[in-house]
Amino acid sequence: MSKKIISAVVMGLFLCFQGQAQKICAHRGFWQCDEAVNSQNSLASLRLAQEHGLWGSEFDVHLTADDIVVVNHDADFYGILIHTSEYEDLLTYRLPNGETIPTLYEYLDQGSLSPCMLVMEIKPQDTVAASLILTQRCIQALRAENLLDPSRVMFISFSYPVCEWIAQHLPEFDNQYLEGDKDPETVHASGINGIDYHYSVFKRHPDWVARAHALGMSVNTWTVDNKADMEYVKGLGVDVITTNKPLVLKEVLGL
């Protein structure tokens, strides 16, 4: 099958999902699935999310000591702290699937090949200043790759200052706070236009989804990995469901 045909199929799937009440986002790429074993935040896991026509794929970024943005969930890589290491030091080790830890530019190169939404989680660094430097480096990379586009990228972070910075400088982008200790009204008052809370938060506060929507905020929830919880958040009307089991979620949503 030609690349043009594959791209057309993927785009068709993407547009189909865009019309659904809930959108599917793969948590850390498409890495916990029955059909393949892929390392989280790897290029291979992102490719699978793209090939399955998922609405989005979530990934995490950190800044090395020599100012390179890398894609990795944890603040360390094989026990080596990323923020105190130079990128070359990290290349000694490989992800379980054999890849080296990808830079943000490598990840965005792959991400640019399909309309799959790139859900960038900006990880809190050791200081607020470092977190904001990381944010600015991410913006530079997105601009350089022609992906600084609200239809292609959304931002999430556990760092409230990061979310506030994005709200101030990039208000047109979907920008979700990733905690759960702040109600929608408090988050909205800071100019942040979305929330991304673990589904257990919405079990404690089922009215927060409707309250967020009343304020014009977007709502994501993670990591919803069994059918009962998927059905629950589906019923609440969240906008995006982030999951380690996207194929199961497809069944629940009837896709």
C-alpha atoms as a PDB file:
ATOM      1  CA  MET A   1       0.000   0.000   0.000  1.00  0.00           C
ATOM      2  CA  SER A   2       1.445   3.389  -0.959  1.00  0.00           C
ATOM      3  CA  LYS A   3       2.287   6.058   1.612  1.00  0.00           C
ATOM      4  CA  LYS A   4      -0.326   8.347   0.037  1.00  0.00           C
ATOM      5  CA  ILE A   5      -3.073   5.742   0.504  1.00  0.00           C
ATOM      6  CA  ILE A   6      -1.973   5.052   4.086  1.00  0.00           C
ATOM      7  CA  SER A   7      -1.985   8.791   4.833  1.00  0.00           C
ATOM      8  CA  ALA A   8      -5.491   9.113   3.378  1.00  0.00           C
ATOM      9  CA  VAL A   9      -6.754   6.224   5.506  1.00  0.00           C
ATOM     10  CA  VAL A  10      -5.183   7.651   8.650  1.00  0.00           C
ATOM     11  CA  MET A  11      -6.637  11.086   7.933  1.00  0.00           C
ATOM     12  CA  GLY A  12     -10.070   9.557   7.399  1.00  0.00           C
ATOM     13  CA  LEU A  13      -9.879   7.730  10.716  1.00  0.00           C
ATOM     14  CA  PHE A  14      -8.709  10.900  12.425  1.00  0.00           C
ATOM     15  CA  LEU A  15     -11.588  12.947  11.058  1.00  0.00           C
ATOM     16  CA  CYS A  16     -13.995  10.191  12.033  1.00  0.00           C
ATOM     17  CA  PHE A  17     -12.752  10.261  15.635  1.00  0.00           C
ATOM     18  CA  GLN A  18     -12.858  14.058  15.691  1.00  0.00           C
ATOM     19  CA  GLY A  19     -16.638  13.816  15.466  1.00  0.00           C
ATOM     20  CA  GLN A  20     -16.940  11.468  18.437  1.00  0.00           C
ATOM     21  CA  ALA A  21     -18.088  12.653  21.860  1.00  0.00           C
ATOM     22  CA  GLN A  22     -14.892  11.292  23.405  1.00  0.00           C
ATOM     23  CA  LYS A  23     -11.447  11.205  21.825  1.00  0.00           C
ATOM     24  CA  ILE A  24      -8.835   8.504  22.488  1.00  0.00           C
ATOM     25  CA  CYS A  25      -5.338   9.451  23.564  1.00  0.00           C
ATOM     26  CA  ALA A  26      -2.648   6.793  23.993  1.00  0.00           C
ATOM     27  CA  HIS A  27      -0.821   7.167  27.295  1.00  0.00           C
ATOM     28  CA  ARG A  28       2.940   7.546  26.654  1.00  0.00           C
ATOM     29  CA  GLY A  29       2.382   6.311  23.141  1.00  0.00           C
ATOM     30  CA  PHE A  30       0.869   2.968  22.230  1.00  0.00           C
ATOM     31  CA  TRP A  31       2.990   0.824  24.507  1.00  0.00           C
ATOM     32  CA  GLN A  32       0.746  -1.425  26.622  1.00  0.00           C
ATOM     33  CA  CYS A  33      -1.092  -3.402  23.985  1.00  0.00           C
ATOM     34  CA  ASP A  34      -1.520  -7.046  23.013  1.00  0.00           C
ATOM     35  CA  GLU A  35      -0.298  -6.786  19.442  1.00  0.00           C
ATOM     36  CA  ALA A  36       3.174  -5.319  20.048  1.00  0.00           C
ATOM     37  CA  VAL A  37       5.655  -4.602  22.804  1.00  0.00           C
ATOM     38  CA  ASN A  38       6.929  -1.055  22.545  1.00  0.00           C
ATOM     39  CA  SER A  39       8.763   1.088  25.033  1.00  0.00           C
ATOM     40  CA  GLN A  40       6.826   3.997  26.486  1.00  0.00           C
ATOM     41  CA  ASN A  41       7.577   7.376  24.878  1.00  0.00           C
ATOM     42  CA  SER A  42       9.389   5.631  22.028  1.00  0.00           C
ATOM     43  CA  LEU A  43       9.160   6.433  18.339  1.00  0.00           C
ATOM     44  CA  ALA A  44       7.743   2.943  17.786  1.00  0.00           C
ATOM     45  CA  SER A  45       4.880   3.519  20.244  1.00  0.00           C
ATOM     46  CA  LEU A  46       4.045   6.841  18.603  1.00  0.00           C
ATOM     47  CA  ARG A  47       4.014   5.153  15.174  1.00  0.00           C
ATOM     48  CA  LEU A  48       1.480   2.599  16.421  1.00  0.00           C
ATOM     49  CA  ALA A  49      -0.804   5.334  17.744  1.00  0.00           C
ATOM     50  CA  GLN A  50      -0.588   6.990  14.332  1.00  0.00           C
ATOM     51  CA  GLU A  51      -1.196   3.752  12.429  1.00  0.00           C
ATOM     52  CA  HIS A  52      -4.319   3.037  14.495  1.00  0.00           C
ATOM     53  CA  GLY A  53      -5.697   6.487  13.739  1.00  0.00           C
ATOM     54  CA  LEU A  54      -5.917   7.519  17.386  1.00  0.00           C
ATOM     55  CA  TRP A  55      -6.886  11.112  18.102  1.00  0.00           C
ATOM     56  CA  GLY A  56      -3.760  11.704  20.171  1.00  0.00           C
ATOM     57  CA  SER A  57      -0.613  10.343  21.766  1.00  0.00           C
ATOM     58  CA  GLU A  58       0.772  11.647  25.054  1.00  0.00           C
ATOM     59  CA  PHE A  59       4.503  11.991  25.721  1.00  0.00           C
ATOM     60  CA  ASP A  60       6.770  13.540  28.349  1.00  0.00           C
ATOM     61  CA  VAL A  61       9.712  15.917  28.019  1.00  0.00           C
ATOM     62  CA  HIS A  62      12.751  16.797  30.143  1.00  0.00           C
ATOM     63  CA  LEU A  63      15.783  19.046  29.707  1.00  0.00           C
ATOM     64  CA  THR A  64      19.351  17.729  29.874  1.00  0.00           C
ATOM     65  CA  ALA A  65      22.285  19.590  31.408  1.00  0.00           C
ATOM     66  CA  ASP A  66      23.470  20.575  27.923  1.00  0.00           C
ATOM     67  CA  ASP A  67      20.090  22.061  26.963  1.00  0.00           C
ATOM     68  CA  ILE A  68      18.687  19.164  24.907  1.00  0.00           C
ATOM     69  CA  VAL A  69      14.996  18.316  25.268  1.00  0.00           C
ATOM     70  CA  VAL A  70      14.499  14.550  25.473  1.00  0.00           C
ATOM     71  CA  VAL A  71      11.357  12.440  25.535  1.00  0.00           C
ATOM     72  CA  ASN A  72      11.139  10.217  28.627  1.00  0.00           C
ATOM     73  CA  HIS A  73       8.547   9.678  31.321  1.00  0.00           C
ATOM     74  CA  ASP A  74      10.764   9.645  34.395  1.00  0.00           C
ATOM     75  CA  ALA A  75      13.222  12.283  35.589  1.00  0.00           C
ATOM     76  CA  ASP A  76      15.933   9.643  35.356  1.00  0.00           C
ATOM     77  CA  PHE A  77      17.040   7.229  32.660  1.00  0.00           C
ATOM     78  CA  TYR A  78      18.413   3.951  34.037  1.00  0.00           C
ATOM     79  CA  GLY A  79      18.947   5.759  37.341  1.00  0.00           C
ATOM     80  CA  ILE A  80      20.821   8.682  35.752  1.00  0.00           C
ATOM     81  CA  LEU A  81      19.186  12.035  36.432  1.00  0.00           C
ATOM     82  CA  ILE A  82      18.388  13.664  33.113  1.00  0.00           C
ATOM     83  CA  HIS A  83      18.693  17.265  34.270  1.00  0.00           C
ATOM     84  CA  THR A  84      22.258  16.714  35.546  1.00  0.00           C
ATOM     85  CA  SER A  85      23.409  14.663  32.533  1.00  0.00           C
ATOM     86  CA  GLU A  86      24.529  15.586  29.064  1.00  0.00           C
ATOM     87  CA  TYR A  87      22.645  13.990  26.201  1.00  0.00           C
ATOM     88  CA  GLU A  88      25.636  11.947  25.045  1.00  0.00           C
ATOM     89  CA  ASP A  89      25.762  10.271  28.473  1.00  0.00           C
ATOM     90  CA  LEU A  90      22.201   9.017  28.016  1.00  0.00           C
ATOM     91  CA  LEU A  91      23.024   7.371  24.683  1.00  0.00           C
ATOM     92  CA  THR A  92      24.998   4.689  26.538  1.00  0.00           C
ATOM     93  CA  TYR A  93      21.649   3.134  27.415  1.00  0.00           C
ATOM     94  CA  ARG A  94      18.724   2.025  25.263  1.00  0.00           C
ATOM     95  CA  LEU A  95      15.000   1.708  25.734  1.00  0.00           C
ATOM     96  CA  PRO A  96      13.729  -1.874  26.164  1.00  0.00           C
ATOM     97  CA  ASN A  97      12.801  -2.022  22.464  1.00  0.00           C
ATOM     98  CA  GLY A  98      16.341  -1.079  21.407  1.00  0.00           C
ATOM     99  CA  GLU A  99      15.813   2.603  20.612  1.00  0.00           C
ATOM    100  CA  THR A 100      17.991   5.301  22.094  1.00  0.00           C
ATOM    101  CA  ILE A 101      16.176   7.915  24.142  1.00  0.00           C
ATOM    102  CA  PRO A 102      14.653  10.237  21.520  1.00  0.00           C
ATOM    103  CA  THR A 103      15.210  13.953  21.392  1.00  0.00           C
ATOM    104  CA  LEU A 104      12.151  16.145  21.063  1.00  0.00           C
ATOM    105  CA  TYR A 105      13.154  16.969  17.478  1.00  0.00           C
ATOM    106  CA  GLU A 106      13.235  13.255  16.575  1.00  0.00           C
ATOM    107  CA  TYR A 107       9.859  12.743  18.207  1.00  0.00           C
ATOM    108  CA  LEU A 108       8.338  15.705  16.391  1.00  0.00           C
ATOM    109  CA  ASP A 109       9.749  14.469  13.082  1.00  0.00           C
ATOM    110  CA  GLN A 110       7.735  11.277  13.551  1.00  0.00           C
ATOM    111  CA  GLY A 111       4.746  13.185  14.882  1.00  0.00           C
ATOM    112  CA  SER A 112       4.609  15.378  11.799  1.00  0.00           C
ATOM    113  CA  LEU A 113       3.811  12.368   9.597  1.00  0.00           C
ATOM    114  CA  SER A 114       0.155  12.082  10.640  1.00  0.00           C
ATOM    115  CA  PRO A 115      -2.584  14.283  12.127  1.00  0.00           C
ATOM    116  CA  CYS A 116      -2.414  12.448  15.476  1.00  0.00           C
ATOM    117  CA  MET A 117      -2.554  15.129  18.191  1.00  0.00           C
ATOM    118  CA  LEU A 118       0.761  15.459  20.042  1.00  0.00           C
ATOM    119  CA  VAL A 119      -0.135  15.777  23.715  1.00  0.00           C
ATOM    120  CA  MET A 120       3.043  17.194  25.235  1.00  0.00           C
ATOM    121  CA  GLU A 121       3.447  16.742  28.985  1.00  0.00           C
ATOM    122  CA  ILE A 122       5.997  19.269  30.211  1.00  0.00           C
ATOM    123  CA  LYS A 123       7.475  17.631  33.283  1.00  0.00           C
ATOM    124  CA  PRO A 124       8.288  19.810  36.304  1.00  0.00           C
ATOM    125  CA  GLN A 125      12.061  20.273  36.584  1.00  0.00           C
ATOM    126  CA  ASP A 126      14.040  20.795  39.774  1.00  0.00           C
ATOM    127  CA  THR A 127      13.117  24.510  39.849  1.00  0.00           C
ATOM    128  CA  VAL A 128      10.335  26.640  38.401  1.00  0.00           C
ATOM    129  CA  ALA A 129      12.931  28.546  36.377  1.00  0.00           C
ATOM    130  CA  ALA A 130      14.176  25.304  34.818  1.00  0.00           C
ATOM    131  CA  SER A 131      10.597  24.250  34.065  1.00  0.00           C
ATOM    132  CA  LEU A 132       9.990  27.499  32.201  1.00  0.00           C
ATOM    133  CA  ILE A 133      13.252  27.147  30.271  1.00  0.00           C
ATOM    134  CA  LEU A 134      12.118  23.653  29.243  1.00  0.00           C
ATOM    135  CA  THR A 135       8.780  25.101  28.135  1.00  0.00           C
ATOM    136  CA  GLN A 136      10.484  27.715  25.991  1.00  0.00           C
ATOM    137  CA  ARG A 137      12.786  25.089  24.420  1.00  0.00           C
ATOM    138  CA  CYS A 138       9.710  23.028  23.549  1.00  0.00           C
ATOM    139  CA  ILE A 139       8.098  26.026  21.874  1.00  0.00           C
ATOM    140  CA  GLN A 140      11.288  26.626  19.868  1.00  0.00           C
ATOM    141  CA  ALA A 141      11.293  23.013  18.686  1.00  0.00           C
ATOM    142  CA  LEU A 142       7.626  23.088  17.716  1.00  0.00           C
ATOM    143  CA  ARG A 143       8.142  26.295  15.766  1.00  0.00           C
ATOM    144  CA  ALA A 144      11.217  24.890  14.004  1.00  0.00           C
ATOM    145  CA  GLU A 145       9.254  21.764  13.014  1.00  0.00           C
ATOM    146  CA  ASN A 146       6.225  23.794  11.822  1.00  0.00           C
ATOM    147  CA  LEU A 147       4.091  22.165  14.516  1.00  0.00           C
ATOM    148  CA  LEU A 148       3.322  25.178  16.679  1.00  0.00           C
ATOM    149  CA  ASP A 149      -0.325  24.776  15.754  1.00  0.00           C
ATOM    150  CA  PRO A 150      -3.314  24.329  18.123  1.00  0.00           C
ATOM    151  CA  SER A 151      -4.734  21.684  15.776  1.00  0.00           C
ATOM    152  CA  ARG A 152      -1.581  19.552  16.133  1.00  0.00           C
ATOM    153  CA  VAL A 153      -0.356  20.092  19.699  1.00  0.00           C
ATOM    154  CA  MET A 154      -1.831  20.477  23.156  1.00  0.00           C
ATOM    155  CA  PHE A 155       0.015  21.012  26.430  1.00  0.00           C
ATOM    156  CA  ILE A 156      -0.410  19.349  29.810  1.00  0.00           C
ATOM    157  CA  SER A 157       1.672  19.724  32.966  1.00  0.00           C
ATOM    158  CA  PHE A 158       1.732  19.090  36.692  1.00  0.00           C
ATOM    159  CA  SER A 159       3.498  22.448  36.978  1.00  0.00           C
ATOM    160  CA  TYR A 160       0.997  25.221  37.612  1.00  0.00           C
ATOM    161  CA  PRO A 161       3.557  27.917  36.647  1.00  0.00           C
ATOM    162  CA  VAL A 162       4.101  26.163  33.304  1.00  0.00           C
ATOM    163  CA  CYS A 163       0.358  26.112  32.611  1.00  0.00           C
ATOM    164  CA  GLU A 164       0.094  29.769  33.600  1.00  0.00           C
ATOM    165  CA  TRP A 165       3.026  30.676  31.289  1.00  0.00           C
ATOM    166  CA  ILE A 166       1.389  28.893  28.358  1.00  0.00           C
ATOM    167  CA  ALA A 167      -1.951  30.561  29.124  1.00  0.00           C
ATOM    168  CA  GLN A 168      -0.233  33.944  28.981  1.00  0.00           C
ATOM    169  CA  HIS A 169       1.929  33.372  25.897  1.00  0.00           C
ATOM    170  CA  LEU A 170      -0.071  30.826  23.879  1.00  0.00           C
ATOM    171  CA  PRO A 171      -3.712  31.353  24.904  1.00  0.00           C
ATOM    172  CA  GLU A 172      -5.020  29.799  21.678  1.00  0.00           C
ATOM    173  CA  PHE A 173      -3.616  26.371  22.612  1.00  0.00           C
ATOM    174  CA  ASP A 174      -5.413  23.717  24.635  1.00  0.00           C
ATOM    175  CA  ASN A 175      -3.507  23.823  27.927  1.00  0.00           C
ATOM    176  CA  GLN A 176      -4.487  21.462  30.730  1.00  0.00           C
ATOM    177  CA  TYR A 177      -3.443  21.405  34.373  1.00  0.00           C
ATOM    178  CA  LEU A 178      -2.640  17.862  35.474  1.00  0.00           C
ATOM    179  CA  GLU A 179      -3.346  17.600  39.173  1.00  0.00           C
ATOM    180  CA  GLY A 180      -6.787  17.417  40.744  1.00  0.00           C
ATOM    181  CA  ASP A 181      -6.305  19.500  43.863  1.00  0.00           C
ATOM    182  CA  LYS A 182      -7.816  22.574  42.232  1.00  0.00           C
ATOM    183  CA  ASP A 183     -11.428  22.874  41.127  1.00  0.00           C
ATOM    184  CA  PRO A 184     -12.243  24.107  37.604  1.00  0.00           C
ATOM    185  CA  GLU A 185     -13.136  27.613  38.731  1.00  0.00           C
ATOM    186  CA  THR A 186      -9.763  28.099  40.452  1.00  0.00           C
ATOM    187  CA  VAL A 187      -7.860  26.848  37.402  1.00  0.00           C
ATOM    188  CA  HIS A 188      -9.950  28.962  35.032  1.00  0.00           C
ATOM    189  CA  ALA A 189      -9.307  32.076  37.117  1.00  0.00           C
ATOM    190  CA  SER A 190      -5.598  31.694  36.307  1.00  0.00           C
ATOM    191  CA  GLY A 191      -6.343  31.781  32.580  1.00  0.00           C
ATOM    192  CA  ILE A 192      -5.687  28.042  32.126  1.00  0.00           C
ATOM    193  CA  ASN A 193      -8.255  26.619  29.729  1.00  0.00           C
ATOM    194  CA  GLY A 194      -8.314  22.905  30.605  1.00  0.00           C
ATOM    195  CA  ILE A 195      -7.986  20.236  33.262  1.00  0.00           C
ATOM    196  CA  ASP A 196      -6.509  16.746  32.940  1.00  0.00           C
ATOM    197  CA  TYR A 197      -7.253  14.775  36.093  1.00  0.00           C
ATOM    198  CA  HIS A 198      -6.924  11.115  37.013  1.00  0.00           C
ATOM    199  CA  TYR A 199     -10.325   9.459  36.662  1.00  0.00           C
ATOM    200  CA  SER A 200     -10.466   8.864  40.443  1.00  0.00           C
ATOM    201  CA  VAL A 201     -10.728  12.664  40.891  1.00  0.00           C
ATOM    202  CA  PHE A 202     -13.889  12.668  38.806  1.00  0.00           C
ATOM    203  CA  LYS A 203     -15.282   9.853  40.933  1.00  0.00           C
ATOM    204  CA  ARG A 204     -14.881  12.145  43.947  1.00  0.00           C
ATOM    205  CA  HIS A 205     -16.051  15.219  42.037  1.00  0.00           C
ATOM    206  CA  PRO A 206     -18.366  14.038  39.230  1.00  0.00           C
ATOM    207  CA  ASP A 207     -19.728  17.575  38.796  1.00  0.00           C
ATOM    208  CA  TRP A 208     -16.311  18.998  37.863  1.00  0.00           C
ATOM    209  CA  VAL A 209     -16.657  17.953  34.217  1.00  0.00           C
ATOM    210  CA  ALA A 210     -19.897  19.905  33.736  1.00  0.00           C
ATOM    211  CA  ARG A 211     -18.518  22.834  35.736  1.00  0.00           C
ATOM    212  CA  ALA A 212     -15.388  22.932  33.553  1.00  0.00           C
ATOM    213  CA  HIS A 213     -17.467  22.759  30.375  1.00  0.00           C
ATOM    214  CA  ALA A 214     -19.668  25.595  31.624  1.00  0.00           C
ATOM    215  CA  LEU A 215     -16.497  27.707  31.771  1.00  0.00           C
ATOM    216  CA  GLY A 216     -15.485  26.692  28.256  1.00  0.00           C
ATOM    217  CA  MET A 217     -12.664  24.476  29.509  1.00  0.00           C
ATOM    218  CA  SER A 218     -11.549  21.196  27.941  1.00  0.00           C
ATOM    219  CA  VAL A 219     -11.430  18.060  30.095  1.00  0.00           C
ATOM    220  CA  ASN A 220      -9.062  15.105  29.826  1.00  0.00           C
ATOM    221  CA  THR A 221      -8.797  12.127  32.169  1.00  0.00           C
ATOM    222  CA  TRP A 222      -6.068   9.502  32.693  1.00  0.00           C
ATOM    223  CA  THR A 223      -5.249   6.573  32.905  1.00  0.00           C
ATOM    224  CA  VAL A 224      -8.534   4.827  32.284  1.00  0.00           C
ATOM    225  CA  ASP A 225      -7.635   1.198  31.647  1.00  0.00           C
ATOM    226  CA  ASN A 226     -10.640  -1.007  32.438  1.00  0.00           C
ATOM    227  CA  LYS A 227     -14.083  -1.088  30.893  1.00  0.00           C
ATOM    228  CA  ALA A 228     -15.987  -0.071  34.015  1.00  0.00           C
ATOM    229  CA  ASP A 229     -13.950   3.114  34.435  1.00  0.00           C
ATOM    230  CA  MET A 230     -14.120   3.789  30.697  1.00  0.00           C
ATOM    231  CA  GLU A 231     -17.903   3.581  30.817  1.00  0.00           C
ATOM    232  CA  TYR A 232     -17.954   5.883  33.856  1.00  0.00           C
ATOM    233  CA  VAL A 233     -15.920   8.701  32.301  1.00  0.00           C
ATOM    234  CA  LYS A 234     -17.726   8.237  28.999  1.00  0.00           C
ATOM    235  CA  GLY A 235     -20.967   8.938  30.855  1.00  0.00           C
ATOM    236  CA  LEU A 236     -19.512  12.086  32.415  1.00  0.00           C
ATOM    237  CA  GLY A 237     -18.840  13.505  28.953  1.00  0.00           C
ATOM    238  CA  VAL A 238     -15.099  14.163  29.235  1.00  0.00           C
ATOM    239  CA  ASP A 239     -13.542  15.367  26.000  1.00  0.00           C
ATOM    240  CA  VAL A 240     -10.464  13.116  25.922  1.00  0.00           C
ATOM    241  CA  ILE A 241      -9.811   9.751  27.566  1.00  0.00           C
ATOM    242  CA  THR A 242      -6.120   8.900  27.975  1.00  0.00           C
ATOM    243  CA  THR A 243      -5.511   5.183  28.299  1.00  0.00           C
ATOM    244  CA  ASN A 244      -2.938   2.410  28.179  1.00  0.00           C
ATOM    245  CA  LYS A 245      -5.594   0.249  26.480  1.00  0.00           C
ATOM    246  CA  PRO A 246      -6.727   2.200  23.404  1.00  0.00           C
ATOM    247  CA  LEU A 247      -8.076  -0.873  21.595  1.00  0.00           C
ATOM    248  CA  VAL A 248     -10.315  -1.684  24.572  1.00  0.00           C
ATOM    249  CA  LEU A 249     -11.485   1.912  24.696  1.00  0.00           C
ATOM    250  CA  LYS A 250     -12.337   1.747  21.005  1.00  0.00           C
ATOM    251  CA  GLU A 251     -14.728  -1.113  21.815  1.00  0.00           C
ATOM    252  CA  VAL A 252     -16.313   0.799  24.700  1.00  0.00           C
ATOM    253  CA  LEU A 253     -16.817   3.887  22.550  1.00  0.00           C
ATOM    254  CA  GLY A 254     -18.160   1.779  19.682  1.00  0.00           C
ATOM    255  CA  LEU A 255     -15.431   2.785  17.244  1.00  0.00           C
END
